[in-house]
C-alpha atoms as a PDB file:
ATOM      1  CA  MET A   1       3.149  31.989 -14.011  1.00  0.00           C
ATOM      2  CA  LYS A   2       1.751  29.567 -11.178  1.00  0.00           C
ATOM      3  CA  LYS A   3      -2.504  28.135 -11.461  1.00  0.00           C
ATOM      4  CA  GLU A   4      -3.999  27.369  -8.214  1.00  0.00           C
ATOM      5  CA  ILE A   5      -4.272  23.902  -7.838  1.00  0.00           C
ATOM      6  CA  GLU A   6      -7.435  22.575  -5.510  1.00  0.00           C
ATOM      7  CA  GLY A   7      -5.866  19.765  -2.864  1.00  0.00           C
ATOM      8  CA  ASN A   8      -2.534  18.147  -1.940  1.00  0.00           C
ATOM      9  CA  LEU A   9      -0.433  17.208  -4.873  1.00  0.00           C
ATOM     10  CA  LEU A  10       2.226  15.027  -2.869  1.00  0.00           C
ATOM     11  CA  SER A  11       1.849  12.475  -5.854  1.00  0.00           C
ATOM     12  CA  PRO A  12       2.306  10.569  -7.423  1.00  0.00           C
ATOM     13  CA  LEU A  13       2.481   6.949  -4.799  1.00  0.00           C
ATOM     14  CA  PRO A  14       2.477   3.508  -5.406  1.00  0.00           C
ATOM     15  CA  VAL A  15      -0.647   1.875  -5.041  1.00  0.00           C
ATOM     16  CA  ALA A  16      -0.899  -0.323  -1.989  1.00  0.00           C
ATOM     17  CA  LEU A  17      -3.521  -3.247  -0.819  1.00  0.00           C
ATOM     18  CA  VAL A  18      -3.619  -3.192   2.639  1.00  0.00           C
ATOM     19  CA  GLY A  19      -4.452  -6.381   3.658  1.00  0.00           C
ATOM     20  CA  THR A  20      -6.133  -7.789   7.498  1.00  0.00           C
ATOM     21  CA  LEU A  21      -8.174 -11.305   8.832  1.00  0.00           C
ATOM     22  CA  ILE A  22     -11.401 -10.533   9.128  1.00  0.00           C
ATOM     23  CA  GLU A  23     -13.883 -14.024  10.506  1.00  0.00           C
ATOM     24  CA  GLY A  24     -10.331 -15.823  10.054  1.00  0.00           C
ATOM     25  CA  ARG A  25     -10.273 -15.146   5.996  1.00  0.00           C
ATOM     26  CA  PRO A  26      -7.476 -12.446   4.173  1.00  0.00           C
ATOM     27  CA  ASN A  27      -9.570  -9.352   2.668  1.00  0.00           C
ATOM     28  CA  TYR A  28      -7.367  -6.665   0.683  1.00  0.00           C
ATOM     29  CA  CYS A  29      -8.882  -2.673   0.160  1.00  0.00           C
ATOM     30  CA  VAL A  30      -6.865  -0.160  -2.497  1.00  0.00           C
ATOM     31  CA  ILE A  31      -5.177   2.535  -0.946  1.00  0.00           C
ATOM     32  CA  GLY A  32      -3.861   4.702  -3.217  1.00  0.00           C
ATOM     33  CA  TYR A  33      -2.265   7.652  -0.981  1.00  0.00           C
ATOM     34  CA  MET A  34      -0.133   5.879   2.159  1.00  0.00           C
ATOM     35  CA  SER A  35       2.859   7.885   3.371  1.00  0.00           C
ATOM     36  CA  PRO A  36       6.079   6.566   5.089  1.00  0.00           C
ATOM     37  CA  PHE A  37       7.198   8.867   8.062  1.00  0.00           C
ATOM     38  CA  ASP A  38       9.967   8.048  11.085  1.00  0.00           C
ATOM     39  CA  PHE A  39      12.792   7.073   7.946  1.00  0.00           C
ATOM     40  CA  GLY A  40      10.031   4.450   6.884  1.00  0.00           C
ATOM     41  CA  ARG A  41       9.474   2.899  10.128  1.00  0.00           C
ATOM     42  CA  HIS A  42       5.588   3.868  10.554  1.00  0.00           C
ATOM     43  CA  ILE A  43       3.202   4.399   8.167  1.00  0.00           C
ATOM     44  CA  PHE A  44       0.143   6.144   7.847  1.00  0.00           C
ATOM     45  CA  PHE A  45      -3.141   5.890   5.756  1.00  0.00           C
ATOM     46  CA  SER A  46      -6.899   7.388   5.716  1.00  0.00           C
ATOM     47  CA  LEU A  47      -9.437   4.892   6.160  1.00  0.00           C
ATOM     48  CA  TYR A  48     -13.213   5.808   5.703  1.00  0.00           C
ATOM     49  CA  LYS A  49     -14.839   4.148   9.156  1.00  0.00           C
ATOM     50  CA  LYS A  50     -17.588   2.551   6.707  1.00  0.00           C
ATOM     51  CA  ARG A  51     -14.794   0.860   4.648  1.00  0.00           C
ATOM     52  CA  TYR A  52     -15.082  -3.825   5.588  1.00  0.00           C
ATOM     53  CA  THR A  53     -10.796  -3.860   6.281  1.00  0.00           C
ATOM     54  CA  ARG A  54     -11.525  -1.687   9.302  1.00  0.00           C
ATOM     55  CA  VAL A  55     -12.957  -4.357  11.407  1.00  0.00           C
ATOM     56  CA  GLY A  56      -9.954  -6.488  10.947  1.00  0.00           C
ATOM     57  CA  ILE A  57      -7.831  -3.701  12.330  1.00  0.00           C
ATOM     58  CA  GLN A  58      -9.798  -2.797  14.209  1.00  0.00           C
ATOM     59  CA  ARG A  59      -9.662  -6.165  16.076  1.00  0.00           C
ATOM     60  CA  ASN A  60      -6.365  -7.516  15.253  1.00  0.00           C
ATOM     61  CA  LYS A  61      -4.765  -4.417  15.596  1.00  0.00           C
ATOM     62  CA  THR A  62      -2.439  -5.451  12.577  1.00  0.00           C
ATOM     63  CA  PHE A  63      -2.102  -4.907   8.971  1.00  0.00           C
ATOM     64  CA  SER A  64      -0.231  -5.465   5.802  1.00  0.00           C
ATOM     65  CA  VAL A  65       0.942  -3.375   3.058  1.00  0.00           C
ATOM     66  CA  ASN A  66       1.236  -4.941  -0.238  1.00  0.00           C
ATOM     67  CA  ILE A  67       2.544  -3.158  -3.323  1.00  0.00           C
ATOM     68  CA  PRO A  68       1.131  -4.461  -6.259  1.00  0.00           C
ATOM     69  CA  SER A  69       3.104  -4.854  -9.946  1.00  0.00           C
ATOM     70  CA  GLU A  70       0.952  -3.665 -13.555  1.00  0.00           C
ATOM     71  CA  ASP A  71       0.398  -7.630 -13.719  1.00  0.00           C
ATOM     72  CA  LEU A  72      -2.082  -7.090 -10.618  1.00  0.00           C
ATOM     73  CA  MET A  73      -4.356  -4.277 -12.698  1.00  0.00           C
ATOM     74  CA  ARG A  74      -7.309  -6.489 -12.841  1.00  0.00           C
ATOM     75  CA  GLU A  75      -6.925  -7.535  -8.976  1.00  0.00           C
ATOM     76  CA  VAL A  76      -6.342  -3.959  -7.756  1.00  0.00           C
ATOM     77  CA  ASN A  77      -9.649  -3.045  -9.803  1.00  0.00           C
ATOM     78  CA  LEU A  78     -11.656  -5.745  -8.139  1.00  0.00           C
ATOM     79  CA  CYS A  79     -10.337  -4.614  -4.508  1.00  0.00           C
ATOM     80  CA  GLY A  80     -10.917  -1.330  -4.687  1.00  0.00           C
ATOM     81  CA  SER A  81     -14.302  -1.673  -6.454  1.00  0.00           C
ATOM     82  CA  LYS A  82     -16.325  -4.649  -4.208  1.00  0.00           C
ATOM     83  CA  SER A  83     -16.524  -5.028  -0.434  1.00  0.00           C
ATOM     84  CA  GLY A  84     -15.077  -7.732   1.470  1.00  0.00           C
ATOM     85  CA  ARG A  85     -18.650  -8.129   3.317  1.00  0.00           C
ATOM     86  CA  ASP A  86     -20.153  -9.286  -0.458  1.00  0.00           C
ATOM     87  CA  PHE A  87     -17.318 -10.487  -2.182  1.00  0.00           C
ATOM     88  CA  ASP A  88     -14.251 -13.030  -1.186  1.00  0.00           C
ATOM     89  CA  LYS A  89     -11.032 -11.333  -2.024  1.00  0.00           C
ATOM     90  CA  SER A  90      -8.526 -13.985  -0.790  1.00  0.00           C
ATOM     91  CA  LYS A  91      -9.477 -16.153  -3.599  1.00  0.00           C
ATOM     92  CA  LEU A  92      -7.732 -13.388  -6.041  1.00  0.00           C
ATOM     93  CA  PHE A  93      -4.277 -13.898  -4.161  1.00  0.00           C
ATOM     94  CA  ASP A  94      -2.023 -16.102  -2.692  1.00  0.00           C
ATOM     95  CA  THR A  95      -1.721 -15.368   0.821  1.00  0.00           C
ATOM     96  CA  PHE A  96       1.341 -15.814   3.577  1.00  0.00           C
ATOM     97  CA  TYR A  97       2.268 -14.646   6.944  1.00  0.00           C
ATOM     98  CA  GLY A  98       5.449 -13.213   8.606  1.00  0.00           C
ATOM     99  CA  GLU A  99       5.776 -12.838  12.354  1.00  0.00           C
ATOM    100  CA  LEU A 100       2.541 -11.293  12.703  1.00  0.00           C
ATOM    101  CA  LYS A 101      -0.013 -14.085  12.086  1.00  0.00           C
ATOM    102  CA  SER A 102      -3.327 -11.731  11.624  1.00  0.00           C
ATOM    103  CA  ALA A 103      -1.858  -9.768   8.977  1.00  0.00           C
ATOM    104  CA  PRO A 104      -1.847 -11.521   5.675  1.00  0.00           C
ATOM    105  CA  MET A 105       0.191 -10.774   2.839  1.00  0.00           C
ATOM    106  CA  ILE A 106       0.306 -11.135  -1.044  1.00  0.00           C
ATOM    107  CA  ARG A 107       2.505 -13.445  -2.670  1.00  0.00           C
ATOM    108  CA  GLN A 108       2.160 -11.739  -6.079  1.00  0.00           C
ATOM    109  CA  CYS A 109       2.854  -8.502  -4.639  1.00  0.00           C
ATOM    110  CA  PRO A 110       6.828  -7.629  -5.046  1.00  0.00           C
ATOM    111  CA  LEU A 111       6.767  -5.402  -1.627  1.00  0.00           C
ATOM    112  CA  ASN A 112       4.816  -6.492   1.101  1.00  0.00           C
ATOM    113  CA  MET A 113       5.687  -4.613   4.801  1.00  0.00           C
ATOM    114  CA  GLU A 114       3.528  -6.616   7.862  1.00  0.00           C
ATOM    115  CA  CYS A 115       2.778  -3.554  10.842  1.00  0.00           C
ATOM    116  CA  ARG A 116       1.270  -3.451  13.988  1.00  0.00           C
ATOM    117  CA  VAL A 117      -1.007  -0.318  14.981  1.00  0.00           C
ATOM    118  CA  THR A 118       0.342   1.961  16.998  1.00  0.00           C
ATOM    119  CA  ASP A 119      -2.086   4.670  16.941  1.00  0.00           C
ATOM    120  CA  ILE A 120      -5.710   5.001  15.452  1.00  0.00           C
ATOM    121  CA  LEU A 121      -6.663   9.255  14.632  1.00  0.00           C
ATOM    122  CA  ASP A 122     -10.458   9.986  14.658  1.00  0.00           C
ATOM    123  CA  TYR A 123     -11.298  12.310  12.225  1.00  0.00           C
ATOM    124  CA  ASP A 124     -15.016  11.364  11.097  1.00  0.00           C
ATOM    125  CA  PRO A 125     -16.094  10.025   8.350  1.00  0.00           C
ATOM    126  CA  ASN A 126     -12.404   8.695   8.433  1.00  0.00           C
ATOM    127  CA  GLU A 127      -9.705   7.333  10.848  1.00  0.00           C
ATOM    128  CA  GLY A 128      -5.998   8.290  10.372  1.00  0.00           C
ATOM    129  CA  ILE A 129      -3.923   4.990  11.078  1.00  0.00           C
ATOM    130  CA  ILE A 130      -0.670   4.822  11.784  1.00  0.00           C
ATOM    131  CA  GLY A 131       1.095   1.517  12.142  1.00  0.00           C
ATOM    132  CA  ARG A 132       4.900   0.082  12.587  1.00  0.00           C
ATOM    133  CA  VAL A 133       6.675  -1.526   9.954  1.00  0.00           C
ATOM    134  CA  VAL A 134       7.513  -5.399  11.769  1.00  0.00           C
ATOM    135  CA  LYS A 135       9.377  -6.397   8.594  1.00  0.00           C
ATOM    136  CA  SER A 136       9.635  -5.783   4.973  1.00  0.00           C
ATOM    137  CA  TYR A 137       9.599  -8.676   2.033  1.00  0.00           C
ATOM    138  CA  ALA A 138      10.706  -7.916  -1.644  1.00  0.00           C
ATOM    139  CA  ASP A 139      10.527 -10.603  -4.096  1.00  0.00           C
ATOM    140  CA  SER A 140      14.241 -12.175  -4.236  1.00  0.00           C
ATOM    141  CA  GLY A 141      14.822 -11.559  -7.775  1.00  0.00           C
ATOM    142  CA  LEU A 142      14.581  -7.757  -7.260  1.00  0.00           C
ATOM    143  CA  VAL A 143      17.262  -7.393  -4.997  1.00  0.00           C
ATOM    144  CA  LYS A 144      20.775  -7.157  -5.350  1.00  0.00           C
ATOM    145  CA  ASP A 145      23.366  -6.360  -2.627  1.00  0.00           C
ATOM    146  CA  SER A 146      20.642  -5.590  -0.331  1.00  0.00           C
ATOM    147  CA  ILE A 147      18.832  -2.743  -2.771  1.00  0.00           C
ATOM    148  CA  VAL A 148      15.832  -3.405  -4.154  1.00  0.00           C
ATOM    149  CA  ASP A 149      15.412  -2.459  -8.200  1.00  0.00           C
ATOM    150  CA  MET A 150      11.866  -0.445  -8.212  1.00  0.00           C
ATOM    151  CA  LYS A 151      12.481  -0.516 -11.792  1.00  0.00           C
ATOM    152  CA  LYS A 152      11.684  -3.832 -12.279  1.00  0.00           C
ATOM    153  CA  ALA A 153       8.776  -4.246  -9.861  1.00  0.00           C
ATOM    154  CA  ARG A 154       6.766  -2.409 -12.372  1.00  0.00           C
ATOM    155  CA  LEU A 155       4.428  -0.907  -9.485  1.00  0.00           C
ATOM    156  CA  ILE A 156       1.649   0.983 -10.498  1.00  0.00           C
ATOM    157  CA  ILE A 157       1.281   4.418  -9.291  1.00  0.00           C
ATOM    158  CA  TRP A 158      -1.774   6.668  -8.766  1.00  0.00           C
ATOM    159  CA  THR A 159      -1.934  10.604  -9.239  1.00  0.00           C
ATOM    160  CA  ILE A 160      -4.001  12.978  -7.054  1.00  0.00           C
ATOM    161  CA  GLY A 161      -4.562  16.664  -7.892  1.00  0.00           C
ATOM    162  CA  GLY A 162      -4.224  15.661 -11.229  1.00  0.00           C
ATOM    163  CA  ASP A 163      -6.694  13.318 -13.514  1.00  0.00           C
ATOM    164  CA  PHE A 164      -6.488  10.914 -10.527  1.00  0.00           C
ATOM    165  CA  SER A 165      -5.740   7.901 -12.593  1.00  0.00           C
ATOM    166  CA  TYR A 166      -3.181   4.936 -12.724  1.00  0.00           C
ATOM    167  CA  TYR A 167       0.765   5.138 -14.178  1.00  0.00           C
ATOM    168  CA  ARG A 168       3.977   3.260 -14.807  1.00  0.00           C
ATOM    169  CA  VAL A 169       7.042   3.981 -12.942  1.00  0.00           C
ATOM    170  CA  GLY A 170       9.413   5.942 -15.146  1.00  0.00           C
ATOM    171  CA  GLU A 171      13.372   5.792 -15.474  1.00  0.00           C
ATOM    172  CA  ARG A 172      15.576   6.115 -12.703  1.00  0.00           C
ATOM    173  CA  ILE A 173      17.204   9.892 -13.180  1.00  0.00           C
ATOM    174  CA  VAL A 174      21.074   9.312 -12.156  1.00  0.00           C
ATOM    175  CA  LEU A 175      23.166  12.354 -11.776  1.00  0.00           C
ATOM    176  CA  ASP A 176      26.885  13.250 -12.935  1.00  0.00           C
ATOM    177  CA  GLU A 177      29.080  14.817 -10.615  1.00  0.00           C
ATOM    178  CA  ALA A 178      28.544  18.312 -12.040  1.00  0.00           C
ATOM    179  CA  THR A 179      25.376  17.932 -11.882  1.00  0.00           C
ATOM    180  CA  ALA A 180      24.834  16.899  -8.442  1.00  0.00           C
ATOM    181  CA  GLN A 181      26.706  20.024  -6.841  1.00  0.00           C
END
């Protein structure tokens, strides 16, 4: 028997810290629901129009996506509970830049992407931000033969349609030949 559940059940998803420059200073906000599409060449997320990060995205037409590990739970919580209007989030992290000089990335995050805005969809009171991934970065200790070991990254995942909580990435499932067919 199935029980009807309100909302979207496409989860869990990795927590992301979206970065942008505002008045020359990096700012980061927590996004718990981000979607890759076009085989990962683009990213979509929704942003409440009153969010301070929106200012930098609108001005620069760039942003970064920083995927934190469990080690950054305190910082993730601060970025999700305080506005950059009132709290300097740039002091929480060591920032670096790639090809796009207006998309600050967090060195402590094991995975980073710099993105150029391709479209902004208006659906009041939110905006849908679509960005093309310009370059992606992973900590060298996570990469072997060009493959990222996601378990070693110790990513934080977030669930919707459930208890709206943070979790750890679990074990890899390996199929044997008989199971795979």
